[in-house]
Protein backbone atom coordinates (compact mmCIF):
# COMPACT_ATOMS: atom_id res chain seq x y z
CA UNK A 1 -35.07 145.53 109.19
CA UNK A 2 -35.97 148.98 111.08
CA UNK A 3 -36.88 151.92 109.65
CA UNK A 4 -33.63 153.51 107.92
CA UNK A 5 -33.18 156.61 105.88
CA UNK A 6 -30.03 157.09 103.92
CA UNK A 7 -28.89 160.47 103.40
CA UNK A 8 -25.93 161.69 101.11
CA UNK A 9 -24.66 165.43 100.59
CA UNK A 10 -22.59 165.25 97.54
CA UNK A 11 -21.18 168.88 97.45
CA UNK A 12 -17.58 168.97 98.88
CA UNK A 13 -16.37 172.14 100.41
CA UNK A 14 -14.28 174.61 98.52
CA UNK A 15 -10.51 175.28 99.42
CA UNK A 16 -9.77 177.57 102.27
CA UNK A 17 -9.60 180.75 100.86
CA UNK A 18 -11.43 180.61 98.00
CA UNK A 19 -13.68 183.79 97.29
CA UNK A 20 -16.25 182.25 95.06
CA UNK A 21 -18.09 179.31 95.68
CA UNK A 22 -16.97 176.16 93.75
CA UNK A 23 -19.94 174.78 91.39
CA UNK A 24 -20.81 171.48 93.06
CA UNK A 25 -23.12 168.32 91.85
CA UNK A 26 -26.61 168.63 93.25
CA UNK A 27 -26.79 166.41 96.66
CA UNK A 28 -29.21 163.88 96.53
CA UNK A 29 -32.01 162.29 99.04
CA UNK A 30 -32.35 158.63 99.02
CA UNK A 31 -35.39 157.41 100.51
CA UNK A 32 -36.27 153.67 101.29
CA UNK A 33 -38.45 151.81 98.96
CA UNK A 34 -40.25 150.66 101.95
CA UNK A 35 -40.44 151.19 105.52
CA UNK A 36 -38.92 147.90 106.45
CA UNK A 37 -36.52 147.88 103.50
CA UNK A 38 -33.31 150.16 103.92
CA UNK A 39 -31.45 148.39 101.05
CA UNK A 40 -33.95 149.21 97.93
CA UNK A 41 -33.88 153.03 97.82
CA UNK A 42 -35.26 155.41 95.53
CA UNK A 43 -33.09 158.19 94.48
CA UNK A 44 -34.97 161.52 94.02
CA UNK A 45 -33.52 164.97 92.79
CA UNK A 46 -34.21 168.21 91.75
CA UNK A 47 -32.72 169.49 88.28
CA UNK A 48 -31.00 172.69 88.63
CA UNK A 49 -33.75 174.44 87.25
CA UNK A 50 -36.39 172.87 89.37
CA UNK A 51 -33.75 173.95 92.22
CA UNK A 52 -34.00 177.55 91.28
CA UNK A 53 -37.78 177.66 91.39
CA UNK A 54 -37.68 176.26 94.60
CA UNK A 55 -35.12 179.12 95.95
CA UNK A 56 -37.15 181.64 94.25
CA UNK A 57 -40.21 180.73 96.10
CA UNK A 58 -38.51 180.71 99.23
CA UNK A 59 -37.23 184.17 98.48
CA UNK A 60 -40.48 185.54 97.59
CA UNK A 61 -42.43 184.08 100.69
CA UNK A 62 -39.85 185.08 103.07
CA UNK A 63 -38.37 187.97 102.09
CA UNK A 64 -40.76 189.55 99.34
CA UNK A 65 -38.45 189.11 96.73
CA UNK A 66 -36.57 192.27 97.32
CA UNK A 67 -33.22 193.00 98.21
CA UNK A 68 -34.37 195.20 101.37
CA UNK A 69 -36.17 192.07 102.16
CA UNK A 70 -33.19 190.29 102.84
CA UNK A 71 -32.34 192.19 105.98
CA UNK A 72 -35.60 192.43 108.22
CA UNK A 73 -36.54 192.49 111.98
CA UNK A 74 -40.12 192.13 112.60
CA UNK A 75 -42.47 194.11 115.07
CA UNK A 76 -42.66 192.59 118.76
CA UNK A 77 -39.64 189.94 118.01
CA UNK A 78 -36.55 189.90 119.75
CA UNK A 79 -34.26 188.55 116.84
CA UNK A 80 -33.08 189.79 113.13
CA UNK A 81 -34.53 187.58 110.13
CA UNK A 82 -32.16 187.61 107.43
CA UNK A 83 -31.71 186.29 104.17
CA UNK A 84 -33.88 184.46 101.67
CA UNK A 85 -35.05 182.01 104.16
CA UNK A 86 -35.52 184.96 107.06
CA UNK A 87 -32.86 182.85 108.97
CA UNK A 88 -33.49 183.81 112.77
CA UNK A 89 -30.34 185.73 114.41
CA UNK A 90 -30.40 186.60 118.19
CA UNK A 91 -28.42 189.43 120.00
CA UNK A 92 -26.06 188.29 122.72
CA UNK A 93 -27.94 187.30 126.20
CA UNK A 94 -31.25 186.44 124.06
CA UNK A 95 -32.74 183.41 124.17
CA UNK A 96 -36.12 182.64 122.57
CA UNK A 97 -38.38 179.22 121.60
CA UNK A 98 -37.16 179.52 117.93
CA UNK A 99 -34.10 177.89 116.51
CA UNK A 100 -31.48 180.17 115.65
CA UNK A 101 -30.53 179.66 111.97
CA UNK A 102 -28.57 182.44 110.78
CA UNK A 103 -25.15 181.41 112.30
CA UNK A 104 -25.53 178.06 110.80
CA UNK A 105 -26.15 179.26 107.35
CA UNK A 106 -23.13 181.60 107.51
CA UNK A 107 -21.06 178.50 108.30
CA UNK A 108 -22.48 176.71 105.52
CA UNK A 109 -21.27 179.18 103.33
CA UNK A 110 -18.02 179.85 104.53
CA UNK A 111 -17.91 175.97 104.26
CA UNK A 112 -18.88 176.02 100.34
CA UNK A 113 -15.70 178.73 100.02
CA UNK A 114 -17.75 182.06 100.47
CA UNK A 115 -15.86 184.64 101.94
CA UNK A 116 -17.88 186.48 104.89
CA UNK A 117 -16.80 190.07 106.24
CA UNK A 118 -14.60 189.64 109.46
CA UNK A 119 -17.09 190.97 111.75
CA UNK A 120 -19.30 188.08 110.90
CA UNK A 121 -16.77 185.22 111.22
CA UNK A 122 -16.92 182.99 114.22
CA UNK A 123 -20.58 182.53 115.22
CA UNK A 124 -20.89 185.81 116.81
CA UNK A 125 -24.45 187.09 118.26
CA UNK A 126 -26.30 189.65 116.11
CA UNK A 127 -24.60 192.87 116.88
CA UNK A 128 -27.85 194.80 116.97
CA UNK A 129 -29.79 194.59 120.44
CA UNK A 130 -33.04 195.79 119.52
CA UNK A 131 -35.26 196.42 116.59
CA UNK A 132 -35.13 200.05 116.76
CA UNK A 133 -31.03 200.00 116.73
CA UNK A 134 -31.13 197.42 113.73
CA UNK A 135 -33.22 200.19 111.63
CA UNK A 136 -31.06 202.85 112.74
CA UNK A 137 -28.15 201.50 110.90
CA UNK A 138 -30.18 200.08 108.27
CA UNK A 139 -27.92 202.05 105.83
CA UNK A 140 -24.57 201.46 107.75
CA UNK A 141 -21.75 199.93 106.07
CA UNK A 142 -22.19 196.66 108.24
CA UNK A 143 -25.92 196.17 106.96
CA UNK A 144 -25.00 197.15 103.31
CA UNK A 145 -22.34 194.47 103.33
CA UNK A 146 -24.51 191.88 104.68
CA UNK A 147 -27.29 192.69 102.14
CA UNK A 148 -24.66 192.21 99.39
CA UNK A 149 -23.39 189.09 100.62
CA UNK A 150 -26.96 187.58 101.20
CA UNK A 151 -27.73 189.04 97.64
CA UNK A 152 -24.67 187.16 96.26
CA UNK A 153 -25.23 184.04 97.66
CA UNK A 154 -29.27 183.24 97.05
CA UNK A 155 -28.48 179.81 95.45
CA UNK A 156 -26.13 178.61 98.25
CA UNK A 157 -28.92 179.70 101.02
CA UNK A 158 -31.81 177.78 99.10
CA UNK A 159 -29.26 174.78 99.46
CA UNK A 160 -28.82 175.33 103.23
CA UNK A 161 -32.66 175.49 103.50
CA UNK A 162 -32.71 172.30 101.57
CA UNK A 163 -30.05 170.71 103.43
CA UNK A 164 -32.06 171.21 106.76
CA UNK A 165 -34.91 168.95 105.21
CA UNK A 166 -31.83 166.24 104.76
CA UNK A 167 -31.22 166.73 108.56
CA UNK A 168 -34.77 166.84 109.62
CA UNK A 169 -36.07 163.41 108.45
CA UNK A 170 -34.20 161.00 110.47
CA UNK A 171 -34.59 163.34 113.71
CA UNK A 172 -38.03 163.57 112.95
CA UNK A 173 -38.20 159.61 112.90
CA UNK A 174 -35.86 159.02 115.81
CA UNK A 175 -38.37 161.32 117.81
CA UNK A 176 -41.56 158.93 117.31
CA UNK A 177 -42.36 155.63 118.71
CA UNK A 178 -41.50 152.90 116.42
CA UNK A 179 -45.46 152.19 115.67
CA UNK A 180 -45.46 155.86 114.19
CA UNK A 181 -42.44 156.17 112.25
CA UNK A 182 -43.86 154.13 109.36
CA UNK A 183 -46.82 156.38 108.67
CA UNK A 184 -44.59 159.70 108.85
CA UNK A 185 -42.14 158.22 106.65
CA UNK A 186 -44.93 156.97 104.05
CA UNK A 187 -46.12 160.42 103.90
CA UNK A 188 -42.70 162.16 103.38
CA UNK A 189 -42.02 159.77 100.83
CA UNK A 190 -45.61 160.38 99.16
CA UNK A 191 -44.66 164.13 98.87
CA UNK A 192 -41.05 163.14 97.86
CA UNK A 193 -42.13 161.20 94.93
CA UNK A 194 -44.65 163.99 93.67
CA UNK A 195 -43.56 166.56 90.99
CA UNK A 196 -43.61 169.72 92.93
CA UNK A 197 -43.38 167.97 96.42
CA UNK A 198 -39.82 169.56 97.24
CA UNK A 199 -41.55 172.83 97.20
CA UNK A 200 -43.80 172.34 100.32
CA UNK A 201 -41.28 170.08 102.44
CA UNK A 202 -38.17 172.58 101.80
CA UNK A 203 -40.62 175.88 102.30
CA UNK A 204 -42.51 174.46 105.38
CA UNK A 205 -39.59 173.46 107.21
CA UNK A 206 -37.75 176.42 106.39
CA UNK A 207 -41.03 178.31 107.38
CA UNK A 208 -42.20 176.29 110.72
CA UNK A 209 -39.21 174.15 111.71
CA UNK A 210 -39.02 170.28 111.92
CA UNK A 211 -41.91 170.04 114.96
CA UNK A 212 -39.41 168.07 117.21
CA UNK A 213 -38.09 170.75 119.60
CA UNK A 214 -39.96 170.57 122.87
CA UNK A 215 -39.60 174.28 123.04
CA UNK A 216 -41.73 174.70 120.13
CA UNK A 217 -44.74 173.87 121.55
CA UNK A 218 -48.07 175.62 122.89
CA UNK A 219 -50.11 173.48 125.15
CA UNK A 220 -47.78 170.88 124.55
CA UNK A 221 -48.96 170.74 120.56
CA UNK A 222 -46.06 171.41 117.81
CA UNK A 223 -46.49 173.18 114.59
CA UNK A 224 -43.73 171.78 112.45
CA UNK A 225 -43.34 169.46 109.46
CA UNK A 226 -43.52 166.20 111.62
CA UNK A 227 -46.98 167.73 113.04
CA UNK A 228 -48.26 168.32 109.24
CA UNK A 229 -47.09 164.93 108.09
CA UNK A 230 -48.69 163.16 110.80
CA UNK A 231 -52.20 164.77 110.29
CA UNK A 232 -52.13 163.32 106.78
CA UNK A 233 -53.95 160.00 106.04
CA UNK A 234 -54.23 159.63 102.25
CA UNK A 235 -52.08 157.28 99.71
CA UNK A 236 -52.55 158.78 96.43
CA UNK A 237 -49.75 160.69 95.06
CA UNK A 238 -49.52 163.81 92.59
CA UNK A 239 -51.92 166.67 93.20
CA UNK A 240 -53.63 164.78 95.87
CA UNK A 241 -50.70 164.80 97.92
CA UNK A 242 -49.82 168.36 97.55
CA UNK A 243 -53.46 169.00 98.32
CA UNK A 244 -53.36 166.99 101.46
CA UNK A 245 -50.27 168.46 102.47
CA UNK A 246 -51.58 172.02 102.11
CA UNK A 247 -54.59 171.10 103.95
CA UNK A 248 -53.04 169.25 107.05
CA UNK A 249 -50.71 172.46 107.26
CA UNK A 250 -53.31 174.72 107.47
CA UNK A 251 -55.00 173.00 110.26
CA UNK A 252 -51.63 172.86 112.04
CA UNK A 253 -51.25 176.59 111.93
CA UNK A 254 -54.78 177.41 112.96
CA UNK A 255 -54.37 175.03 115.84
CA UNK A 256 -51.30 176.90 116.75
CA UNK A 257 -52.87 180.22 116.61
CA UNK A 258 -55.68 179.03 118.94
CA UNK A 259 -53.60 177.50 121.24
CA UNK A 260 -50.97 180.45 121.35
CA UNK A 261 -50.35 182.33 124.91
CA UNK A 262 -50.10 185.30 122.44
CA UNK A 263 -53.23 184.59 120.49
CA UNK A 264 -53.81 188.23 118.80
CA UNK A 265 -50.26 188.50 117.83
CA UNK A 266 -50.62 185.04 116.14
CA UNK A 267 -53.97 185.39 114.63
CA UNK A 268 -53.24 188.53 112.90
CA UNK A 269 -50.69 186.44 110.84
CA UNK A 270 -52.92 183.59 110.25
CA UNK A 271 -54.56 184.92 107.06
CA UNK A 272 -50.77 185.23 105.37
CA UNK A 273 -49.76 181.65 106.77
CA UNK A 274 -52.82 180.36 105.31
CA UNK A 275 -52.27 181.86 101.95
CA UNK A 276 -48.70 180.65 101.96
CA UNK A 277 -49.61 177.14 102.41
CA UNK A 278 -52.21 177.30 99.84
CA UNK A 279 -49.71 177.66 97.29
CA UNK A 280 -48.60 174.13 98.17
CA UNK A 281 -51.45 172.80 96.23
CA UNK A 282 -49.92 172.99 92.82
CA UNK A 283 -46.44 172.04 91.50
CA UNK A 284 -44.43 175.32 91.10
CA UNK A 285 -42.81 174.11 87.80
CA UNK A 286 -44.19 174.82 84.65
CA UNK A 287 -43.13 171.80 83.33
CA UNK A 288 -41.06 168.45 84.17
CA UNK A 289 -40.47 165.11 83.29
CA UNK A 290 -38.25 164.04 86.92
CA UNK A 291 -39.73 163.37 89.97
CA UNK A 292 -38.21 165.65 92.71
CA UNK A 293 -37.05 166.09 96.03
CA UNK A 294 -34.49 168.61 97.61
CA UNK A 295 -31.59 169.54 96.11
CA UNK A 296 -30.48 173.20 95.54
CA UNK A 297 -27.45 174.23 93.01
CA UNK A 298 -26.48 177.48 91.86
CA UNK A 299 -27.28 178.45 88.24
CA UNK A 300 -24.51 177.50 85.80
CA UNK A 301 -22.05 180.22 84.75
CA UNK A 302 -23.26 182.22 82.03
CA UNK A 303 -26.83 181.58 82.39
CA UNK A 304 -29.48 184.27 81.84
CA UNK A 305 -30.54 186.02 85.23
CA UNK A 306 -34.12 185.08 84.07
CA UNK A 307 -35.98 182.68 82.28
CA UNK A 308 -39.34 183.94 81.05
CA UNK A 309 -42.07 181.72 82.78
CA UNK A 310 -39.63 179.34 84.11
CA UNK A 311 -38.61 181.13 87.29
CA UNK A 312 -35.02 181.00 86.81
CA UNK A 313 -32.95 183.64 88.41
CA UNK A 314 -29.32 184.24 88.76
CA UNK A 315 -27.81 184.97 92.59
CA UNK A 316 -27.21 188.53 91.55
CA UNK A 317 -30.97 189.42 90.81
CA UNK A 318 -34.01 190.04 92.64
CA UNK A 319 -37.07 187.68 91.73
CA UNK A 320 -40.32 189.65 91.39
CA UNK A 321 -42.85 188.39 93.63
CA UNK A 322 -45.73 188.88 96.22
CA UNK A 323 -45.39 190.64 99.28
CA UNK A 324 -43.47 188.81 102.03
CA UNK A 325 -44.83 187.16 104.80
CA UNK A 326 -44.61 189.44 107.62
CA UNK A 327 -44.11 186.44 110.02
CA UNK A 328 -42.16 184.42 108.09
CA UNK A 329 -39.45 183.60 110.77
CA UNK A 330 -42.01 182.13 113.13
CA UNK A 331 -40.92 178.56 114.25
């Protein structure tokens, strides 16, 4: 058989008009046991606790783990960066080389039964036309309502970021000539079957994208997840896989900074980017018996807001963490 990837999203949308998200089973990613066999598959999951750790890492990496960091607009950019993933939102008439992700994230929240303010419905463009206007309104009723929405839906935003990985894999494979697909899929599976491998995969695709958009190239070279996987050559699972993914990501990011038409702008963030991908070297989970890949769920009702040493947070709390990557929305 040709290469196949079966993906199953188990969560069902809540009924229309439901104010609160409906609890859902974690979604699972089914990866073929071999590039030639689409029948034999292995089901890889994250437990709810592991999934919350991944979501917390995203919030810390992208938004500094703060409520204020959920609404941001970086200097020198033409778009707002919102939520735990600093999802991109362009103003009306503005186009850029980076994929706009905030409107799809909002649509995902609505599909899961989350009520959003009226002014956010319908895939509207960002209502603030510039960074200056954005920050002049940072304490406005609209901005407060936006932060409130984003604070309440941390789990679902993490789920959206993980779902992006689900969509990314077949798209990445389809973008390659057949001889290169098997190697990329093998490296993806190598990470997927490693404890802690979900964190670098989900974080990097949210951080720098899939690597398949022709617009996301400098001098013909991309910087997404596809390019990182193509740069890997090993076969050992476990920490060796995590370490090689981290090294490959660092090499891809250094190349991006070197080839950028605005090298000063990008090189000033390179040290931050490299620090971020160094965090991929070790599993983010204190302990786990389950091998993992992307599934993000919300904390169970009545769970504690934090579990000391375990990274478990509720949707209504702010995780402590290191300063946010100020260039986090760059794809």
